[in-house]
Amino acid sequence: MKYPVCLLAVLVALVLSAAGTGAHAFLDRAEPRVGSKLKAPPPELRLYFTQELEPAFSSAKVTNESGRQVDKGDSHVDDGDRSVLRLSLYRLEPGTYKVNWRILSVDTHVTEGDFKFRVTL
């Protein structure tokens, strides 16, 4: 009778540890999309993550090809959906833009990353 109980305990431990490793918030999608080519400059950037974010420790910025910041410095977690990070953009000229983000999810894990998009007009 001890063998089934031990086996069950091991299985539960494995499931719980596997759930913990996938607990980080990752970028699910972005608007504009990662690697996209746009014919019109977007007025804002929206980053959608797989978990809710801690507003005080989550931010993003957008830079042009020369490294100059082209967003308005107002990155914030959306009030209606805490898994979305938003920021306003100045009117973008044709060129390639890099998005850098660093977020803290509600499970206290930090993730960060970057991607590019292009405005072609």
Foldseek 3Di string as FASTA:
>chain_A
DVVVVVVVVVVVVVVVVVVVVPPDKDFPAKVVGFAEEAQFFDFKIKTAIPAFFDFVFKDKFKAFPVGHTFWPPDWTQDPVGRRMIMTGGDGDDFGKMKMKIWTAGPVGDIDIDMGMYTYHD
